[in-house]
Amino acid sequence: MRLVLVSAVALIDADGRVLLSQRPQGKTLAGLWEFPGGKIEQGERPEAALIRELKEELNIDVTASCLAPFTFASHAYEDFHLLMPLYVCRRWKGDAMAMEGQALKWVHAKDLRDYPMPPADLPLIPHLQDLL
């Protein structure tokens, strides 16, 4: 089974809310909510992938020193296995904007289960609820 590496981040604002991004139409798992991030390219560090993806998808600037490793997800989808480190970030420059037409929503940790998410993201919710 093919292994896919993806980096994700729980961006946490001053009110303790987490940013969720809705997968746009035309993408796999369209309509589901997820933590921002993306695929790690060949030879790329997970932190570098997140910094790149957050600039591309949300137009925010993050430095590696502001990304704290938190937990990870390991999930077998039908045709690949996903391994996804989740970082926590409380400091960035700029206001998050949907650069790829996706919907964005700031959500309190207690409400994360109200948003349908990909199966790999679901086990991350209790960890964030414990943190926040």
Protein backbone atom coordinates (compact mmCIF):
# COMPACT_ATOMS: atom_id res chain seq x y z
CA MET A 1 0.00 0.00 0.00
CA ARG A 2 1.30 3.45 -0.92
CA LEU A 3 2.29 5.73 2.01
CA VAL A 4 1.25 9.38 1.77
CA LEU A 5 2.85 11.91 4.11
CA VAL A 6 0.84 15.02 4.94
CA SER A 7 1.55 17.82 7.44
CA ALA A 8 -1.33 19.54 9.20
CA VAL A 9 -1.64 22.30 11.76
CA ALA A 10 -4.08 23.38 14.41
CA LEU A 11 -3.93 27.17 14.12
CA ILE A 12 -5.19 28.46 17.46
CA ASP A 13 -6.34 32.08 17.78
CA ALA A 14 -6.35 34.32 20.88
CA ASP A 15 -9.86 33.08 21.75
CA GLY A 16 -8.72 29.44 21.77
CA ARG A 17 -10.48 28.59 18.51
CA VAL A 18 -9.06 26.27 15.85
CA LEU A 19 -9.16 27.07 12.13
CA LEU A 20 -10.86 24.50 9.92
CA SER A 21 -10.78 24.50 6.13
CA GLN A 22 -13.47 22.89 3.99
CA ARG A 23 -12.24 20.75 1.11
CA PRO A 24 -13.49 22.36 -2.12
CA GLN A 25 -15.58 20.69 -4.79
CA GLY A 26 -13.56 18.62 -7.23
CA LYS A 27 -11.09 17.38 -4.59
CA THR A 28 -11.15 14.02 -2.85
CA LEU A 29 -13.38 14.15 0.25
CA ALA A 30 -14.96 17.41 -0.98
CA GLY A 31 -17.12 19.19 1.57
CA LEU A 32 -15.37 17.73 4.61
CA TRP A 33 -13.63 20.00 7.12
CA GLU A 34 -9.95 19.52 7.93
CA PHE A 35 -6.96 21.07 9.61
CA PRO A 36 -4.95 23.17 7.12
CA GLY A 37 -1.87 21.62 5.57
CA GLY A 38 -0.90 19.45 2.66
CA LYS A 39 1.33 16.82 1.13
CA ILE A 40 4.99 16.71 2.00
CA GLU A 41 7.05 16.84 -1.19
CA GLN A 42 10.04 14.55 -1.83
CA GLY A 43 12.96 15.72 0.33
CA GLU A 44 10.83 18.33 2.16
CA ARG A 45 10.67 18.56 5.95
CA PRO A 46 7.13 18.47 7.46
CA GLU A 47 7.58 21.99 8.88
CA ALA A 48 8.70 23.35 5.50
CA ALA A 49 5.67 21.74 3.84
CA LEU A 50 3.36 23.44 6.35
CA ILE A 51 5.02 26.82 5.91
CA ARG A 52 4.62 26.49 2.11
CA GLU A 53 1.04 25.22 2.26
CA LEU A 54 -0.11 27.88 4.75
CA LYS A 55 1.25 30.61 2.48
CA GLU A 56 -0.40 29.08 -0.62
CA GLU A 57 -3.76 28.19 0.97
CA LEU A 58 -4.25 30.88 3.63
CA ASN A 59 -1.79 33.66 2.73
CA ILE A 60 -0.24 33.63 6.20
CA ASP A 61 3.43 33.51 7.14
CA VAL A 62 4.56 31.00 9.74
CA THR A 63 8.08 30.31 10.97
CA ALA A 64 9.27 26.83 11.90
CA SER A 65 9.94 27.98 15.48
CA CYS A 66 6.20 28.67 15.90
CA LEU A 67 5.21 25.12 14.88
CA ALA A 68 5.04 22.84 17.92
CA PRO A 69 4.80 19.09 17.17
CA PHE A 70 1.63 17.86 18.89
CA THR A 71 0.39 14.44 17.78
CA PHE A 72 -0.13 12.45 14.59
CA ALA A 73 -2.68 10.45 12.67
CA SER A 74 -2.12 7.13 10.94
CA HIS A 75 -5.04 5.98 8.80
CA ALA A 76 -5.50 3.34 6.10
CA TYR A 77 -7.69 4.60 3.29
CA GLU A 78 -8.80 2.23 0.56
CA ASP A 79 -5.87 2.83 -1.80
CA PHE A 80 -3.18 4.43 0.40
CA HIS A 81 -2.04 4.84 4.00
CA LEU A 82 -1.90 8.36 5.40
CA LEU A 83 0.63 9.42 8.00
CA MET A 84 -0.02 12.97 9.22
CA PRO A 85 1.88 14.84 11.91
CA LEU A 86 -0.25 17.56 13.52
CA TYR A 87 1.44 20.71 14.77
CA VAL A 88 0.03 23.47 16.95
CA CYS A 89 0.63 27.08 16.00
CA ARG A 90 -0.46 30.15 17.95
CA ARG A 91 1.62 32.80 16.14
CA TRP A 92 1.62 33.79 12.48
CA LYS A 93 1.69 36.92 10.36
CA GLY A 94 -1.33 38.00 8.34
CA ASP A 95 -5.01 37.21 8.42
CA ALA A 96 -6.06 33.78 7.18
CA MET A 97 -7.80 34.13 3.81
CA ALA A 98 -9.20 31.38 1.59
CA MET A 99 -6.81 31.53 -1.38
CA GLU A 100 -8.17 28.40 -3.10
CA GLY A 101 -11.90 29.03 -2.82
CA GLN A 102 -12.28 26.90 0.31
CA ALA A 103 -14.53 27.87 3.21
CA LEU A 104 -12.79 28.68 6.51
CA LYS A 105 -14.23 28.57 10.00
CA TRP A 106 -12.81 29.32 13.46
CA VAL A 107 -14.22 26.66 15.80
CA HIS A 108 -14.05 26.12 19.57
CA ALA A 109 -12.50 22.75 20.42
CA LYS A 110 -15.71 21.56 22.09
CA ASP A 111 -17.53 22.05 18.77
CA LEU A 112 -15.05 20.29 16.45
CA ARG A 113 -17.21 17.15 16.23
CA ASP A 114 -20.03 19.26 14.74
CA TYR A 115 -18.05 19.45 11.49
CA PRO A 116 -17.80 16.38 9.25
CA MET A 117 -14.11 15.52 8.84
CA PRO A 118 -12.04 12.95 6.96
CA PRO A 119 -11.54 9.73 8.97
CA ALA A 120 -7.85 10.49 9.55
CA ASP A 121 -8.66 13.80 11.28
CA LEU A 122 -11.24 12.46 13.73
CA PRO A 123 -8.79 10.86 16.23
CA LEU A 124 -7.02 14.24 16.53
CA ILE A 125 -10.08 15.95 18.03
CA PRO A 126 -9.82 14.56 21.60
CA HIS A 127 -6.17 15.64 21.79
CA LEU A 128 -7.10 19.21 20.86
CA GLN A 129 -10.04 19.20 23.26
CA ASP A 130 -7.70 18.14 26.07
CA LEU A 131 -5.24 20.88 25.12
CA LEU A 132 -7.84 23.63 24.88
